[in-house]
């Protein structure tokens, strides 16, 4: 049986997801749930395999990882909690931005 860790959203990540989801709904009505669907697939992956993401060099912690949502071009930054009982989603960042968030 595969362990599926829960995802805990930081307040910033929760707000970013809401804003991005609203943008997709307002600007891409034919694909309104596209971002959320891609995000959920990434969540499923990191819940089962938390170490799947690329380690982020130069971050505040050496445990921060990122996964790219290739089709929507967002990165999600996360780390496994200190106790290993959850995945903490820290931020969501679009690849068109010039500077990484961490």
PDB file of N, CA and C in Angstrom:
ATOM      1  N   UNK A   1       0.841  -1.185   0.000  1.00  0.00           N
ATOM      2  CA  UNK A   1       0.000   0.000   0.000  1.00  0.00           C
ATOM      3  C   UNK A   1       0.886   1.248   0.000  1.00  0.00           C
ATOM      4  N   UNK A   2       0.535   2.214  -0.828  1.00  0.00           N
ATOM      5  CA  UNK A   2       1.300   3.447  -0.954  1.00  0.00           C
ATOM      6  C   UNK A   2       0.809   4.466   0.068  1.00  0.00           C
ATOM      7  N   UNK A   3       1.746   5.077   0.774  1.00  0.00           N
ATOM      8  CA  UNK A   3       1.410   6.139   1.724  1.00  0.00           C
ATOM      9  C   UNK A   3       1.093   7.405   0.945  1.00  0.00           C
ATOM     10  N   UNK A   4       0.003   8.046   1.300  1.00  0.00           N
ATOM     11  CA  UNK A   4      -0.382   9.294   0.645  1.00  0.00           C
ATOM     12  C   UNK A   4      -0.417  10.392   1.704  1.00  0.00           C
ATOM     13  N   UNK A   5       0.600  11.217   1.683  1.00  0.00           N
ATOM     14  CA  UNK A   5       0.690  12.297   2.656  1.00  0.00           C
ATOM     15  C   UNK A   5      -0.290  13.408   2.317  1.00  0.00           C
ATOM     16  N   UNK A   6      -0.879  14.033   3.324  1.00  0.00           N
ATOM     17  CA  UNK A   6      -1.753  15.177   3.048  1.00  0.00           C
ATOM     18  C   UNK A   6      -0.940  16.388   2.609  1.00  0.00           C
ATOM     19  N   UNK A   7      -1.588  17.257   1.851  1.00  0.00           N
ATOM     20  CA  UNK A   7      -0.973  18.515   1.411  1.00  0.00           C
ATOM     21  C   UNK A   7      -1.528  19.630   2.299  1.00  0.00           C
ATOM     22  N   UNK A   8      -0.622  20.398   2.876  1.00  0.00           N
ATOM     23  CA  UNK A   8      -1.030  21.576   3.658  1.00  0.00           C
ATOM     24  C   UNK A   8      -0.595  22.812   2.878  1.00  0.00           C
ATOM     25  N   UNK A   9      -1.539  23.703   2.628  1.00  0.00           N
ATOM     26  CA  UNK A   9      -1.252  24.921   1.874  1.00  0.00           C
ATOM     27  C   UNK A   9      -0.853  26.047   2.816  1.00  0.00           C
ATOM     28  N   UNK A  10       0.222  26.736   2.474  1.00  0.00           N
ATOM     29  CA  UNK A  10       0.538  27.961   3.205  1.00  0.00           C
ATOM     30  C   UNK A  10      -0.524  28.987   2.837  1.00  0.00           C
ATOM     31  N   UNK A  11      -0.712  30.018   3.659  1.00  0.00           N
ATOM     32  CA  UNK A  11      -1.669  31.064   3.284  1.00  0.00           C
ATOM     33  C   UNK A  11      -1.345  31.685   1.923  1.00  0.00           C
ATOM     34  N   UNK A  12      -0.059  31.891   1.648  1.00  0.00           N
ATOM     35  CA  UNK A  12       0.328  32.470   0.354  1.00  0.00           C
ATOM     36  C   UNK A  12      -0.039  31.537  -0.791  1.00  0.00           C
ATOM     37  N   UNK A  13       0.250  30.253  -0.653  1.00  0.00           N
ATOM     38  CA  UNK A  13      -0.068  29.288  -1.711  1.00  0.00           C
ATOM     39  C   UNK A  13      -1.576  29.187  -1.929  1.00  0.00           C
ATOM     40  N   UNK A  14      -2.345  29.195  -0.854  1.00  0.00           N
ATOM     41  CA  UNK A  14      -3.801  29.128  -0.982  1.00  0.00           C
ATOM     42  C   UNK A  14      -4.325  30.328  -1.770  1.00  0.00           C
ATOM     43  N   UNK A  15      -3.809  31.512  -1.458  1.00  0.00           N
ATOM     44  CA  UNK A  15      -4.218  32.724  -2.164  1.00  0.00           C
ATOM     45  C   UNK A  15      -3.782  32.662  -3.629  1.00  0.00           C
ATOM     46  N   UNK A  16      -2.564  32.223  -3.880  1.00  0.00           N
ATOM     47  CA  UNK A  16      -2.070  32.125  -5.261  1.00  0.00           C
ATOM     48  C   UNK A  16      -2.912  31.158  -6.075  1.00  0.00           C
ATOM     49  N   UNK A  17      -3.243  30.023  -5.507  1.00  0.00           N
ATOM     50  CA  UNK A  17      -4.071  29.038  -6.212  1.00  0.00           C
ATOM     51  C   UNK A  17      -5.438  29.623  -6.532  1.00  0.00           C
ATOM     52  N   UNK A  18      -6.027  30.339  -5.597  1.00  0.00           N
ATOM     53  CA  UNK A  18      -7.339  30.957  -5.833  1.00  0.00           C
ATOM     54  C   UNK A  18      -7.265  31.980  -6.966  1.00  0.00           C
ATOM     55  N   UNK A  19      -6.244  32.819  -6.956  1.00  0.00           N
ATOM     56  CA  UNK A  19      -6.086  33.845  -7.996  1.00  0.00           C
ATOM     57  C   UNK A  19      -5.867  33.194  -9.359  1.00  0.00           C
ATOM     58  N   UNK A  20      -4.992  32.201  -9.408  1.00  0.00           N
ATOM     59  CA  UNK A  20      -4.705  31.527 -10.682  1.00  0.00           C
ATOM     60  C   UNK A  20      -5.953  30.816 -11.198  1.00  0.00           C
ATOM     61  N   UNK A  21      -6.655  30.141 -10.319  1.00  0.00           N
ATOM     62  CA  UNK A  21      -7.878  29.436 -10.711  1.00  0.00           C
ATOM     63  C   UNK A  21      -8.926  30.418 -11.248  1.00  0.00           C
ATOM     64  N   UNK A  22      -9.078  31.546 -10.573  1.00  0.00           N
ATOM     65  CA  UNK A  22     -10.011  32.577 -11.050  1.00  0.00           C
ATOM     66  C   UNK A  22      -9.599  33.079 -12.428  1.00  0.00           C
ATOM     67  N   UNK A  23      -8.307  33.287 -12.644  1.00  0.00           N
ATOM     68  CA  UNK A  23      -7.827  33.758 -13.938  1.00  0.00           C
ATOM     69  C   UNK A  23      -8.183  32.758 -15.040  1.00  0.00           C
ATOM     70  N   UNK A  24      -7.930  31.477 -14.786  1.00  0.00           N
ATOM     71  CA  UNK A  24      -8.255  30.456 -15.792  1.00  0.00           C
ATOM     72  C   UNK A  24      -9.753  30.431 -16.074  1.00  0.00           C
ATOM     73  N   UNK A  25     -10.552  30.532 -15.031  1.00  0.00           N
ATOM     74  CA  UNK A  25     -12.007  30.514 -15.217  1.00  0.00           C
ATOM     75  C   UNK A  25     -12.464  31.725 -16.036  1.00  0.00           C
ATOM     76  N   UNK A  26     -11.907  32.902 -15.769  1.00  0.00           N
ATOM     77  CA  UNK A  26     -12.323  34.125 -16.450  1.00  0.00           C
ATOM     78  C   UNK A  26     -11.751  34.262 -17.859  1.00  0.00           C
ATOM     79  N   UNK A  27     -10.530  33.775 -18.066  1.00  0.00           N
ATOM     80  CA  UNK A  27      -9.840  34.013 -19.329  1.00  0.00           C
ATOM     81  C   UNK A  27      -9.747  32.807 -20.252  1.00  0.00           C
ATOM     82  N   UNK A  28     -10.016  31.639 -19.737  1.00  0.00           N
ATOM     83  CA  UNK A  28      -9.984  30.406 -20.532  1.00  0.00           C
ATOM     84  C   UNK A  28     -11.223  29.572 -20.221  1.00  0.00           C
ATOM     85  N   UNK A  29     -12.412  30.092 -20.524  1.00  0.00           N
ATOM     86  CA  UNK A  29     -13.642  29.383 -20.136  1.00  0.00           C
ATOM     87  C   UNK A  29     -13.749  27.976 -20.714  1.00  0.00           C
ATOM     88  N   UNK A  30     -13.152  27.722 -21.866  1.00  0.00           N
ATOM     89  CA  UNK A  30     -13.203  26.374 -22.442  1.00  0.00           C
ATOM     90  C   UNK A  30     -12.324  25.397 -21.657  1.00  0.00           C
ATOM     91  N   UNK A  31     -11.407  25.921 -20.880  1.00  0.00           N
ATOM     92  CA  UNK A  31     -10.510  25.085 -20.071  1.00  0.00           C
ATOM     93  C   UNK A  31     -10.455  25.616 -18.642  1.00  0.00           C
ATOM     94  N   UNK A  32     -11.597  25.947 -18.099  1.00  0.00           N
ATOM     95  CA  UNK A  32     -11.675  26.625 -16.804  1.00  0.00           C
ATOM     96  C   UNK A  32     -11.003  25.855 -15.669  1.00  0.00           C
ATOM     97  N   UNK A  33     -11.052  24.545 -15.703  1.00  0.00           N
ATOM     98  CA  UNK A  33     -10.469  23.753 -14.614  1.00  0.00           C
ATOM     99  C   UNK A  33      -9.075  23.223 -14.952  1.00  0.00           C
ATOM    100  N   UNK A  34      -8.513  23.667 -16.060  1.00  0.00           N
ATOM    101  CA  UNK A  34      -7.232  23.134 -16.538  1.00  0.00           C
ATOM    102  C   UNK A  34      -6.137  23.216 -15.470  1.00  0.00           C
ATOM    103  N   UNK A  35      -5.932  24.392 -14.907  1.00  0.00           N
ATOM    104  CA  UNK A  35      -4.883  24.575 -13.900  1.00  0.00           C
ATOM    105  C   UNK A  35      -5.129  23.685 -12.686  1.00  0.00           C
ATOM    106  N   UNK A  36      -6.355  23.698 -12.168  1.00  0.00           N
ATOM    107  CA  UNK A  36      -6.648  22.895 -10.983  1.00  0.00           C
ATOM    108  C   UNK A  36      -6.494  21.402 -11.256  1.00  0.00           C
ATOM    109  N   UNK A  37      -6.848  20.962 -12.448  1.00  0.00           N
ATOM    110  CA  UNK A  37      -6.664  19.552 -12.804  1.00  0.00           C
ATOM    111  C   UNK A  37      -5.179  19.185 -12.829  1.00  0.00           C
ATOM    112  N   UNK A  38      -4.378  20.043 -13.438  1.00  0.00           N
ATOM    113  CA  UNK A  38      -2.934  19.787 -13.492  1.00  0.00           C
ATOM    114  C   UNK A  38      -2.322  19.837 -12.091  1.00  0.00           C
ATOM    115  N   UNK A  39      -2.777  20.767 -11.285  1.00  0.00           N
ATOM    116  CA  UNK A  39      -2.292  20.881  -9.915  1.00  0.00           C
ATOM    117  C   UNK A  39      -2.644  19.620  -9.122  1.00  0.00           C
ATOM    118  N   UNK A  40      -3.847  19.124  -9.280  1.00  0.00           N
ATOM    119  CA  UNK A  40      -4.260  17.916  -8.553  1.00  0.00           C
ATOM    120  C   UNK A  40      -3.426  16.699  -8.969  1.00  0.00           C
ATOM    121  N   UNK A  41      -3.090  16.590 -10.234  1.00  0.00           N
ATOM    122  CA  UNK A  41      -2.226  15.490 -10.680  1.00  0.00           C
ATOM    123  C   UNK A  41      -0.840  15.603 -10.026  1.00  0.00           C
ATOM    124  N   UNK A  42      -0.329  16.829  -9.918  1.00  0.00           N
ATOM    125  CA  UNK A  42       0.967  17.025  -9.250  1.00  0.00           C
ATOM    126  C   UNK A  42       0.849  16.688  -7.766  1.00  0.00           C
ATOM    127  N   UNK A  43      -0.243  17.080  -7.130  1.00  0.00           N
ATOM    128  CA  UNK A  43      -0.463  16.737  -5.724  1.00  0.00           C
ATOM    129  C   UNK A  43      -0.466  15.222  -5.535  1.00  0.00           C
ATOM    130  N   UNK A  44      -1.161  14.509  -6.412  1.00  0.00           N
ATOM    131  CA  UNK A  44      -1.201  13.049  -6.313  1.00  0.00           C
ATOM    132  C   UNK A  44       0.203  12.469  -6.367  1.00  0.00           C
ATOM    133  N   UNK A  45       1.029  13.005  -7.241  1.00  0.00           N
ATOM    134  CA  UNK A  45       2.398  12.519  -7.393  1.00  0.00           C
ATOM    135  C   UNK A  45       3.224  12.784  -6.138  1.00  0.00           C
ATOM    136  N   UNK A  46       3.202  14.010  -5.642  1.00  0.00           N
ATOM    137  CA  UNK A  46       4.061  14.316  -4.490  1.00  0.00           C
ATOM    138  C   UNK A  46       3.503  13.741  -3.188  1.00  0.00           C
ATOM    139  N   UNK A  47       2.208  13.475  -3.124  1.00  0.00           N
ATOM    140  CA  UNK A  47       1.670  12.781  -1.940  1.00  0.00           C
ATOM    141  C   UNK A  47       2.270  11.383  -1.813  1.00  0.00           C
ATOM    142  N   UNK A  48       2.459  10.726  -2.943  1.00  0.00           N
ATOM    143  CA  UNK A  48       2.991   9.362  -2.955  1.00  0.00           C
ATOM    144  C   UNK A  48       4.511   9.332  -2.963  1.00  0.00           C
ATOM    145  N   UNK A  49       5.120  10.304  -3.615  1.00  0.00           N
ATOM    146  CA  UNK A  49       6.580  10.339  -3.759  1.00  0.00           C
ATOM    147  C   UNK A  49       7.093  11.749  -3.464  1.00  0.00           C
ATOM    148  N   UNK A  50       7.171  12.115  -2.209  1.00  0.00           N
ATOM    149  CA  UNK A  50       7.550  13.498  -1.861  1.00  0.00           C
ATOM    150  C   UNK A  50       8.913  13.936  -2.381  1.00  0.00           C
ATOM    151  N   UNK A  51       9.796  13.001  -2.626  1.00  0.00           N
ATOM    152  CA  UNK A  51      11.140  13.365  -3.086  1.00  0.00           C
ATOM    153  C   UNK A  51      11.245  13.455  -4.599  1.00  0.00           C
ATOM    154  N   UNK A  52      10.128  13.410  -5.299  1.00  0.00           N
ATOM    155  CA  UNK A  52      10.126  13.427  -6.760  1.00  0.00           C
ATOM    156  C   UNK A  52      10.555  14.789  -7.315  1.00  0.00           C
ATOM    157  N   UNK A  53      10.281  15.847  -6.602  1.00  0.00           N
ATOM    158  CA  UNK A  53      10.597  17.188  -7.095  1.00  0.00           C
ATOM    159  C   UNK A  53      12.081  17.483  -7.076  1.00  0.00           C
ATOM    160  N   UNK A  54      12.456  18.441  -7.900  1.00  0.00           N
ATOM    161  CA  UNK A  54      13.850  18.889  -7.975  1.00  0.00           C
ATOM    162  C   UNK A  54      14.185  19.708  -6.733  1.00  0.00           C
ATOM    163  N   UNK A  55      15.324  19.433  -6.120  1.00  0.00           N
ATOM    164  CA  UNK A  55      15.768  20.224  -4.973  1.00  0.00           C
ATOM    165  C   UNK A  55      16.097  21.631  -5.455  1.00  0.00           C
ATOM    166  N   UNK A  56      15.643  22.616  -4.711  1.00  0.00           N
ATOM    167  CA  UNK A  56      15.858  24.020  -5.067  1.00  0.00           C
ATOM    168  C   UNK A  56      17.140  24.499  -4.399  1.00  0.00           C
ATOM    169  N   UNK A  57      18.132  24.794  -5.200  1.00  0.00           N
ATOM    170  CA  UNK A  57      19.392  25.303  -4.651  1.00  0.00           C
ATOM    171  C   UNK A  57      19.241  26.794  -4.348  1.00  0.00           C
ATOM    172  N   UNK A  58      19.891  27.220  -3.286  1.00  0.00           N
ATOM    173  CA  UNK A  58      19.850  28.626  -2.904  1.00  0.00           C
ATOM    174  C   UNK A  58      18.604  29.019  -2.119  1.00  0.00           C
ATOM    175  N   UNK A  59      17.768  28.053  -1.767  1.00  0.00           N
ATOM    176  CA  UNK A  59      16.562  28.347  -0.997  1.00  0.00           C
ATOM    177  C   UNK A  59      16.907  28.461   0.488  1.00  0.00           C
ATOM    178  N   UNK A  60      15.957  28.934   1.269  1.00  0.00           N
ATOM    179  CA  UNK A  60      16.169  29.093   2.711  1.00  0.00           C
ATOM    180  C   UNK A  60      16.417  27.759   3.407  1.00  0.00           C
ATOM    181  N   UNK A  61      15.893  26.697   2.826  1.00  0.00           N
ATOM    182  CA  UNK A  61      16.053  25.358   3.383  1.00  0.00           C
ATOM    183  C   UNK A  61      16.530  24.422   2.281  1.00  0.00           C
ATOM    184  N   UNK A  62      17.335  23.447   2.654  1.00  0.00           N
ATOM    185  CA  UNK A  62      17.809  22.483   1.658  1.00  0.00           C
ATOM    186  C   UNK A  62      16.783  21.380   1.397  1.00  0.00           C
ATOM    187  N   UNK A  63      15.611  21.478   2.014  1.00  0.00           N
ATOM    188  CA  UNK A  63      14.550  20.483   1.816  1.00  0.00           C
ATOM    189  C   UNK A  63      13.483  20.950   0.825  1.00  0.00           C
ATOM    190  N   UNK A  64      13.576  22.177   0.360  1.00  0.00           N
ATOM    191  CA  UNK A  64      12.556  22.700  -0.553  1.00  0.00           C
ATOM    192  C   UNK A  64      12.758  22.104  -1.944  1.00  0.00           C
ATOM    193  N   UNK A  65      11.654  21.649  -2.501  1.00  0.00           N
ATOM    194  CA  UNK A  65      11.647  21.041  -3.830  1.00  0.00           C
ATOM    195  C   UNK A  65      10.624  21.748  -4.699  1.00  0.00           C
ATOM    196  N   UNK A  66      10.731  21.499  -6.015  1.00  0.00           N
ATOM    197  CA  UNK A  66       9.742  22.065  -6.913  1.00  0.00           C
ATOM    198  C   UNK A  66       9.369  21.038  -7.972  1.00  0.00           C
ATOM    199  N   UNK A  67       8.138  21.166  -8.413  1.00  0.00           N
ATOM    200  CA  UNK A  67       7.609  20.366  -9.513  1.00  0.00           C
ATOM    201  C   UNK A  67       7.026  21.338 -10.519  1.00  0.00           C
ATOM    202  N   UNK A  68       7.311  21.098 -11.772  1.00  0.00           N
ATOM    203  CA  UNK A  68       6.794  21.958 -12.836  1.00  0.00           C
ATOM    204  C   UNK A  68       5.476  21.412 -13.353  1.00  0.00           C
ATOM    205  N   UNK A  69       4.484  22.281 -13.436  1.00  0.00           N
ATOM    206  CA  UNK A  69       3.233  21.964 -14.122  1.00  0.00           C
ATOM    207  C   UNK A  69       3.464  22.396 -15.567  1.00  0.00           C
ATOM    208  N   UNK A  70       3.897  21.480 -16.368  1.00  0.00           N
ATOM    209  CA  UNK A  70       4.422  21.803 -17.703  1.00  0.00           C
ATOM    210  C   UNK A  70       3.431  22.515 -18.614  1.00  0.00           C
ATOM    211  N   UNK A  71       2.199  22.095 -18.602  1.00  0.00           N
ATOM    212  CA  UNK A  71       1.260  22.670 -19.568  1.00  0.00           C
ATOM    213  C   UNK A  71       0.795  24.066 -19.168  1.00  0.00           C
ATOM    214  N   UNK A  72       0.610  24.310 -17.881  1.00  0.00           N
ATOM    215  CA  UNK A  72       0.203  25.652 -17.442  1.00  0.00           C
ATOM    216  C   UNK A  72       1.408  26.533 -17.114  1.00  0.00           C
ATOM    217  N   UNK A  73       2.597  25.931 -17.055  1.00  0.00           N
ATOM    218  CA  UNK A  73       3.863  26.640 -16.849  1.00  0.00           C
ATOM    219  C   UNK A  73       3.998  27.267 -15.460  1.00  0.00           C
ATOM    220  N   UNK A  74       3.472  26.578 -14.462  1.00  0.00           N
ATOM    221  CA  UNK A  74       3.664  26.984 -13.069  1.00  0.00           C
ATOM    222  C   UNK A  74       4.594  25.997 -12.396  1.00  0.00           C
ATOM    223  N   UNK A  75       5.327  26.482 -11.410  1.00  0.00           N
ATOM    224  CA  UNK A  75       6.098  25.626 -10.521  1.00  0.00           C
ATOM    225  C   UNK A  75       5.406  25.657  -9.170  1.00  0.00           C
ATOM    226  N   UNK A  76       5.356  24.506  -8.532  1.00  0.00           N
ATOM    227  CA  UNK A  76       4.901  24.478  -7.143  1.00  0.00           C
ATOM    228  C   UNK A  76       6.111  24.141  -6.280  1.00  0.00           C
ATOM    229  N   UNK A  77       6.273  24.906  -5.235  1.00  0.00           N
ATOM    230  CA  UNK A  77       7.396  24.744  -4.310  1.00  0.00           C
ATOM    231  C   UNK A  77       6.850  24.163  -3.011  1.00  0.00           C
ATOM    232  N   UNK A  78       7.510  23.122  -2.523  1.00  0.00           N
ATOM    233  CA  UNK A  78       7.002  22.420  -1.351  1.00  0.00           C
ATOM    234  C   UNK A  78       8.156  21.797  -0.578  1.00  0.00           C
ATOM    235  N   UNK A  79       7.829  21.334   0.622  1.00  0.00           N
ATOM    236  CA  UNK A  79       8.773  20.540   1.391  1.00  0.00           C
ATOM    237  C   UNK A  79       7.989  19.582   2.272  1.00  0.00           C
ATOM    238  N   UNK A  80       8.614  18.469   2.574  1.00  0.00           N
ATOM    239  CA  UNK A  80       8.004  17.543   3.522  1.00  0.00           C
ATOM    240  C   UNK A  80       8.139  18.167   4.909  1.00  0.00           C
ATOM    241  N   UNK A  81       7.110  18.028   5.732  1.00  0.00           N
ATOM    242  CA  UNK A  81       7.154  18.607   7.076  1.00  0.00           C
ATOM    243  C   UNK A  81       8.277  17.982   7.891  1.00  0.00           C
ATOM    244  N   UNK A  82       8.679  18.659   8.940  1.00  0.00           N
ATOM    245  CA  UNK A  82       9.763  18.167   9.796  1.00  0.00           C
ATOM    246  C   UNK A  82       9.483  16.758  10.314  1.00  0.00           C
ATOM    247  N   UNK A  83       8.243  16.485  10.626  1.00  0.00           N
ATOM    248  CA  UNK A  83       7.866  15.190  11.174  1.00  0.00           C
ATOM    249  C   UNK A  83       7.589  14.154  10.090  1.00  0.00           C
ATOM    250  N   UNK A  84       7.549  14.579   8.829  1.00  0.00           N
ATOM    251  CA  UNK A  84       7.305  13.659   7.732  1.00  0.00           C
ATOM    252  C   UNK A  84       5.867  13.207   7.596  1.00  0.00           C
ATOM    253  N   UNK A  85       4.931  13.934   8.223  1.00  0.00           N
ATOM    254  CA  UNK A  85       3.532  13.511   8.188  1.00  0.00           C
ATOM    255  C   UNK A  85       2.704  14.264   7.150  1.00  0.00           C
ATOM    256  N   UNK A  86       3.300  15.246   6.474  1.00  0.00           N
ATOM    257  CA  UNK A  86       2.545  16.040   5.495  1.00  0.00           C
ATOM    258  C   UNK A  86       3.518  16.694   4.516  1.00  0.00           C
ATOM    259  N   UNK A  87       2.930  17.187   3.428  1.00  0.00           N
ATOM    260  CA  UNK A  87       3.666  17.993   2.457  1.00  0.00           C
ATOM    261  C   UNK A  87       3.179  19.429   2.633  1.00  0.00           C
ATOM    262  N   UNK A  88       4.102  20.343   2.828  1.00  0.00           N
ATOM    263  CA  UNK A  88       3.759  21.753   2.973  1.00  0.00           C
ATOM    264  C   UNK A  88       3.994  22.455   1.638  1.00  0.00           C
ATOM    265  N   UNK A  89       2.916  22.893   1.005  1.00  0.00           N
ATOM    266  CA  UNK A  89       3.028  23.645  -0.240  1.00  0.00           C
ATOM    267  C   UNK A  89       3.295  25.093   0.125  1.00  0.00           C
ATOM    268  N   UNK A  90       4.421  25.610  -0.339  1.00  0.00           N
ATOM    269  CA  UNK A  90       4.878  26.933   0.080  1.00  0.00           C
ATOM    270  C   UNK A  90       4.409  28.040  -0.844  1.00  0.00           C
ATOM    271  N   UNK A  91       4.552  27.830  -2.155  1.00  0.00           N
ATOM    272  CA  UNK A  91       4.204  28.878  -3.108  1.00  0.00           C
ATOM    273  C   UNK A  91       3.986  28.275  -4.493  1.00  0.00           C
ATOM    274  N   UNK A  92       3.320  29.061  -5.335  1.00  0.00           N
ATOM    275  CA  UNK A  92       3.086  28.712  -6.740  1.00  0.00           C
ATOM    276  C   UNK A  92       3.643  29.870  -7.557  1.00  0.00           C
ATOM    277  N   UNK A  93       4.442  29.551  -8.563  1.00  0.00           N
ATOM    278  CA  UNK A  93       5.173  30.587  -9.290  1.00  0.00           C
ATOM    279  C   UNK A  93       5.122  30.297 -10.776  1.00  0.00           C
ATOM    280  N   UNK A  94       4.817  31.312 -11.580  1.00  0.00           N
ATOM    281  CA  UNK A  94       4.762  31.129 -13.032  1.00  0.00           C
ATOM    282  C   UNK A  94       6.170  31.259 -13.629  1.00  0.00           C
ATOM    283  N   UNK A  95       6.471  30.426 -14.602  1.00  0.00           N
ATOM    284  CA  UNK A  95       7.808  30.382 -15.171  1.00  0.00           C
ATOM    285  C   UNK A  95       8.162  31.628 -15.973  1.00  0.00           C
ATOM    286  N   UNK A  96       7.179  32.461 -16.317  1.00  0.00           N
ATOM    287  CA  UNK A  96       7.481  33.679 -17.070  1.00  0.00           C
ATOM    288  C   UNK A  96       8.088  34.774 -16.194  1.00  0.00           C
ATOM    289  N   UNK A  97       8.009  34.609 -14.883  1.00  0.00           N
ATOM    290  CA  UNK A  97       8.601  35.590 -13.978  1.00  0.00           C
ATOM    291  C   UNK A  97      10.114  35.478 -14.033  1.00  0.00           C
ATOM    292  N   UNK A  98      10.777  36.606 -13.818  1.00  0.00           N
ATOM    293  CA  UNK A  98      12.236  36.613 -13.989  1.00  0.00           C
ATOM    294  C   UNK A  98      12.989  36.012 -12.812  1.00  0.00           C
ATOM    295  N   UNK A  99      12.528  36.198 -11.623  1.00  0.00           N
ATOM    296  CA  UNK A  99      13.251  35.712 -10.441  1.00  0.00           C
ATOM    297  C   UNK A  99      12.449  34.631  -9.726  1.00  0.00           C
ATOM    298  N   UNK A 100      13.082  33.507  -9.396  1.00  0.00           N
ATOM    299  CA  UNK A 100      12.392  32.471  -8.605  1.00  0.00           C
ATOM    300  C   UNK A 100      11.956  33.029  -7.261  1.00  0.00           C
ATOM    301  N   UNK A 101      10.900  32.482  -6.681  1.00  0.00           N
ATOM    302  CA  UNK A 101      10.321  33.055  -5.461  1.00  0.00           C
ATOM    303  C   UNK A 101      11.123  32.816  -4.189  1.00  0.00           C
ATOM    304  N   UNK A 102      11.979  31.836  -4.187  1.00  0.00           N
ATOM    305  CA  UNK A 102      12.672  31.509  -2.931  1.00  0.00           C
ATOM    306  C   UNK A 102      14.111  31.913  -3.024  1.00  0.00           C
TER     307      UNK A 102
END
